[in-house]
N, C-alpha and C. Protein backbone atom coordinates (compact mmCIF):
# COMPACT_ATOMS: atom_id res chain seq x y z
N MET A 1 107.73 80.47 98.09
CA MET A 1 107.96 81.86 97.87
C MET A 1 109.43 82.11 98.12
N LYS A 2 109.89 82.98 97.19
CA LYS A 2 111.22 83.58 97.36
C LYS A 2 111.33 84.52 98.56
N LYS A 3 112.54 84.34 99.31
CA LYS A 3 112.67 85.25 100.54
C LYS A 3 113.70 86.21 100.17
N ILE A 4 113.36 87.34 100.65
CA ILE A 4 114.27 88.64 100.59
C ILE A 4 115.27 88.55 101.82
N LYS A 5 116.45 88.74 101.59
CA LYS A 5 117.47 88.85 102.63
C LYS A 5 117.88 90.16 102.85
N LYS A 6 118.16 91.09 101.92
CA LYS A 6 118.51 92.46 101.98
C LYS A 6 117.69 93.35 101.11
N VAL A 7 117.49 94.60 101.59
CA VAL A 7 116.77 95.64 100.71
C VAL A 7 117.63 97.14 101.06
N GLU A 8 117.72 97.71 100.01
CA GLU A 8 118.31 99.12 100.12
C GLU A 8 117.55 100.14 99.26
N VAL A 9 117.32 101.02 99.85
CA VAL A 9 116.54 102.24 99.09
C VAL A 9 117.47 102.93 98.14
N LEU A 10 117.19 103.13 96.90
CA LEU A 10 118.12 103.75 96.06
C LEU A 10 117.60 105.18 95.66
N GLU A 11 117.97 105.92 94.73
CA GLU A 11 117.32 107.12 94.17
C GLU A 11 116.06 106.83 93.64
N GLY A 12 115.19 107.95 93.55
CA GLY A 12 113.76 107.70 93.02
C GLY A 12 113.05 106.74 93.80
N TYR A 13 112.34 105.86 93.14
CA TYR A 13 111.52 104.83 93.84
C TYR A 13 112.10 103.45 93.51
N LYS A 14 113.48 103.48 93.51
CA LYS A 14 114.26 102.13 93.14
C LYS A 14 114.70 101.35 94.36
N LEU A 15 114.68 100.17 94.48
CA LEU A 15 115.08 99.27 95.47
C LEU A 15 116.17 98.30 95.06
N TRP A 16 117.36 98.13 95.69
CA TRP A 16 118.30 96.94 95.47
C TRP A 16 117.65 95.96 96.43
N ILE A 17 117.65 94.76 95.90
CA ILE A 17 117.08 93.71 96.71
C ILE A 17 117.92 92.39 96.39
N LYS A 18 118.19 91.69 97.48
CA LYS A 18 118.98 90.52 97.37
C LYS A 18 118.19 89.44 98.05
N PHE A 19 118.01 88.25 97.31
CA PHE A 19 117.27 86.97 97.69
C PHE A 19 118.10 86.11 98.44
N SER A 20 117.38 85.16 99.15
CA SER A 20 118.17 84.10 99.95
C SER A 20 118.92 83.17 98.91
N ASP A 21 118.71 83.05 97.67
CA ASP A 21 119.33 82.15 96.70
C ASP A 21 120.47 82.89 96.11
N GLY A 22 120.66 84.06 96.43
CA GLY A 22 121.76 84.98 95.77
C GLY A 22 121.44 85.82 94.77
N ILE A 23 120.27 85.72 94.03
CA ILE A 23 119.78 86.51 93.18
C ILE A 23 119.62 87.86 93.74
N GLU A 24 120.21 88.99 93.03
CA GLU A 24 119.99 90.26 93.32
C GLU A 24 119.82 91.20 92.26
N GLY A 25 119.24 92.39 92.43
CA GLY A 25 118.94 93.27 91.34
C GLY A 25 118.23 94.64 91.76
N ILE A 26 117.89 95.32 90.93
CA ILE A 26 117.25 96.65 91.15
C ILE A 26 115.88 96.60 90.51
N VAL A 27 114.67 97.18 91.29
CA VAL A 27 113.38 97.20 90.80
C VAL A 27 113.14 98.52 90.86
N ASP A 28 112.39 99.09 89.88
CA ASP A 28 111.89 100.45 89.86
C ASP A 28 110.38 100.44 90.16
N LEU A 29 109.93 101.00 91.33
CA LEU A 29 108.53 100.98 91.65
C LEU A 29 107.95 102.33 91.26
N SER A 30 108.50 103.17 90.66
CA SER A 30 107.89 104.51 90.51
C SER A 30 106.63 104.56 89.64
N LYS A 31 106.42 103.30 88.73
CA LYS A 31 105.18 103.51 88.10
C LYS A 31 103.86 103.20 88.82
N PHE A 32 104.25 102.75 90.24
CA PHE A 32 103.15 102.62 91.11
C PHE A 32 102.70 103.89 92.07
N VAL A 33 103.75 104.64 92.07
CA VAL A 33 103.61 105.97 93.05
C VAL A 33 102.20 106.62 92.65
N GLY A 34 101.52 106.98 93.65
CA GLY A 34 100.44 107.88 93.43
C GLY A 34 99.13 107.02 93.02
N LYS A 35 99.16 105.70 92.92
CA LYS A 35 98.05 104.89 92.51
C LYS A 35 97.59 103.97 93.60
N GLY A 36 96.29 104.15 93.94
CA GLY A 36 95.67 103.40 94.93
C GLY A 36 96.22 103.52 96.34
N ILE A 37 96.71 102.26 96.93
CA ILE A 37 97.26 102.24 97.96
C ILE A 37 98.77 102.75 98.04
N PHE A 38 99.34 102.86 96.94
CA PHE A 38 100.67 103.43 96.69
C PHE A 38 100.80 104.82 96.76
N LYS A 39 99.63 105.66 96.86
CA LYS A 39 99.75 107.07 97.02
C LYS A 39 100.52 107.43 98.18
N LYS A 40 100.54 106.47 99.22
CA LYS A 40 101.33 106.84 100.44
C LYS A 40 102.80 106.90 100.05
N TRP A 41 103.24 106.33 99.00
CA TRP A 41 104.68 106.44 98.59
C TRP A 41 104.95 107.74 98.19
N GLU A 42 104.11 108.78 97.86
CA GLU A 42 104.53 110.02 97.58
C GLU A 42 105.22 110.81 98.63
N ASN A 43 105.03 110.28 99.99
CA ASN A 43 105.80 110.74 100.92
C ASN A 43 107.00 109.89 101.04
N LYS A 44 108.15 110.42 100.57
CA LYS A 44 109.47 109.84 100.46
C LYS A 44 110.02 109.14 101.73
N LYS A 45 109.52 109.80 102.79
CA LYS A 45 109.78 109.04 104.15
C LYS A 45 109.25 107.69 104.43
N PHE A 46 107.98 107.92 104.04
CA PHE A 46 107.26 106.54 104.08
C PHE A 46 107.88 105.51 103.19
N PHE A 47 108.17 105.87 101.98
CA PHE A 47 108.83 104.93 100.94
C PHE A 47 110.06 104.19 101.63
N LYS A 48 110.80 105.23 102.12
CA LYS A 48 112.19 104.69 102.64
C LYS A 48 112.07 103.92 103.95
N SER A 49 110.85 103.81 104.37
CA SER A 49 110.58 103.06 105.73
C SER A 49 110.47 101.44 105.40
N VAL A 50 110.72 101.09 104.19
CA VAL A 50 110.54 99.75 103.75
C VAL A 50 111.28 98.74 104.57
N LYS A 51 110.75 97.54 105.07
CA LYS A 51 111.40 96.58 105.78
C LYS A 51 111.11 95.26 105.13
N ILE A 52 111.98 94.32 105.60
CA ILE A 52 111.68 92.90 105.27
C ILE A 52 110.93 92.27 106.30
N ASN A 53 109.65 91.71 105.96
CA ASN A 53 108.88 90.96 106.96
C ASN A 53 109.62 89.76 107.25
N PRO A 54 110.18 89.43 108.55
CA PRO A 54 110.84 88.24 109.00
C PRO A 54 110.13 87.10 108.70
N GLN A 55 108.93 86.93 108.84
CA GLN A 55 108.03 85.80 108.69
C GLN A 55 107.79 85.38 107.37
N THR A 56 107.66 86.39 106.47
CA THR A 56 107.27 86.08 105.00
C THR A 56 108.38 86.14 104.08
N GLY A 57 109.32 87.01 104.37
CA GLY A 57 110.46 87.35 103.61
C GLY A 57 110.06 88.45 102.39
N THR A 58 108.84 89.08 102.56
CA THR A 58 108.42 89.96 101.58
C THR A 58 108.76 91.30 102.12
N LEU A 59 108.62 92.41 101.30
CA LEU A 59 108.72 93.88 101.55
C LEU A 59 107.46 94.42 102.15
N SER A 60 107.63 95.12 103.25
CA SER A 60 106.57 95.79 104.00
C SER A 60 106.77 97.27 104.27
N TRP A 61 105.74 98.01 104.23
CA TRP A 61 105.68 99.23 104.60
C TRP A 61 104.73 99.34 105.76
N GLY A 62 105.18 99.20 107.04
CA GLY A 62 104.19 99.15 108.16
C GLY A 62 103.20 98.01 107.88
N ASN A 63 102.05 98.33 108.47
CA ASN A 63 101.07 97.25 108.17
C ASN A 63 100.18 97.60 107.08
N GLU A 64 100.74 98.67 106.23
CA GLU A 64 99.82 98.95 105.10
C GLU A 64 99.91 98.46 103.88
N ILE A 65 101.38 98.22 103.45
CA ILE A 65 101.74 97.78 102.13
C ILE A 65 102.58 96.56 102.09
N ASP A 66 102.36 95.56 101.45
CA ASP A 66 103.29 94.43 101.39
C ASP A 66 103.28 94.03 99.90
N ILE A 67 104.46 93.74 99.37
CA ILE A 67 104.75 93.44 98.13
C ILE A 67 105.13 91.93 97.94
N CYS A 68 104.61 91.15 97.22
CA CYS A 68 105.02 89.73 97.17
C CYS A 68 106.45 89.53 96.57
N SER A 69 107.35 88.92 97.17
CA SER A 69 108.61 88.68 96.98
C SER A 69 108.82 87.97 95.54
N ASP A 70 107.80 87.17 95.29
CA ASP A 70 107.93 86.38 93.97
C ASP A 70 107.84 87.37 92.79
N VAL A 71 107.03 88.32 92.85
CA VAL A 71 106.81 89.35 91.78
C VAL A 71 108.06 90.16 91.75
N LEU A 72 108.73 90.49 92.69
CA LEU A 72 110.01 91.33 92.58
C LEU A 72 110.95 90.52 92.11
N TYR A 73 111.13 89.26 92.51
CA TYR A 73 112.17 88.26 91.94
C TYR A 73 112.02 88.23 90.38
N ALA A 74 110.78 87.92 89.88
CA ALA A 74 110.37 88.00 88.37
C ALA A 74 110.67 89.20 87.67
N GLU A 75 110.51 90.36 88.42
CA GLU A 75 110.94 91.68 87.84
C GLU A 75 112.45 91.80 87.47
N ILE A 76 113.24 91.39 88.60
CA ILE A 76 114.65 91.30 88.49
C ILE A 76 115.19 90.37 87.32
N LEU A 77 114.54 89.21 87.15
CA LEU A 77 114.96 88.36 86.25
C LEU A 77 114.17 88.46 84.84
N LYS A 78 113.41 89.34 84.79
CA LYS A 78 112.65 89.68 83.55
C LYS A 78 111.85 88.42 83.11
N VAL A 79 111.17 87.61 83.93
CA VAL A 79 110.44 86.66 83.73
C VAL A 79 108.93 86.72 84.06
N ASN A 80 108.17 85.93 83.72
CA ASN A 80 106.73 85.82 84.03
C ASN A 80 106.59 85.65 85.53
N PRO A 81 105.88 86.44 86.29
CA PRO A 81 105.78 86.12 87.70
C PRO A 81 105.08 84.71 88.19
N LEU A 82 104.13 84.33 87.27
CA LEU A 82 103.37 83.10 87.42
C LEU A 82 104.32 81.95 87.37
N ASP A 83 105.49 82.14 86.76
CA ASP A 83 106.54 80.92 86.53
C ASP A 83 107.14 80.80 87.91
N VAL A 84 107.46 82.03 88.48
CA VAL A 84 108.18 82.06 89.91
C VAL A 84 107.17 81.56 90.88
N ILE A 85 106.01 81.94 90.86
CA ILE A 85 105.05 81.48 91.92
C ILE A 85 104.74 80.02 91.74
N LYS A 86 104.59 79.49 90.59
CA LYS A 86 104.39 78.06 90.25
C LYS A 86 105.65 77.17 90.67
N GLY A 87 106.85 77.78 90.89
CA GLY A 87 107.99 77.11 91.18
C GLY A 87 108.64 76.58 90.02
N LYS A 88 108.53 77.07 88.82
CA LYS A 88 109.14 76.64 87.64
C LYS A 88 110.58 77.03 87.82
N GLU A 89 111.45 75.98 87.07
CA GLU A 89 112.79 76.42 87.19
C GLU A 89 113.14 77.67 86.31
N ILE A 90 113.83 78.46 86.97
CA ILE A 90 114.19 79.88 86.28
C ILE A 90 115.65 79.91 85.90
N VAL A 91 115.84 80.15 84.67
CA VAL A 91 117.29 80.29 84.32
C VAL A 91 117.57 81.74 84.01
N LYS A 92 118.48 82.43 84.77
CA LYS A 92 118.86 83.90 84.77
C LYS A 92 119.48 84.03 83.36
N LYS A 93 119.00 85.06 82.82
CA LYS A 93 119.37 85.41 81.39
C LYS A 93 120.66 86.39 81.58
C-alpha cells in the first residue's frame, strides 16, 4: 500500500497529497460530498480535519471515514486503482 506523507486541504474539496515515493498531486473529492458516509463532508470544518493515519498511511477523518491511499495514488496518476493495489509497475505520464 502506498503511504501518504503530507496532505494539505485546498479550495473546495480538493486535497494536495504527497506520497513516500515522491509522487504528489491534487485530488478533487467533491463528487463524493453528500453521498452516503461522505455526507459528513458537507460540514467544511469536518472535511478540513483530515489527518494521515500514521499506522496505515491513509487519509482519515476521525474514526468515521478512511480513504485507501492506493486509490488516491491512482487518481493522481490517472491509472487503474487495481494496478496500484496489485503492485504493478506504474509509469507516470
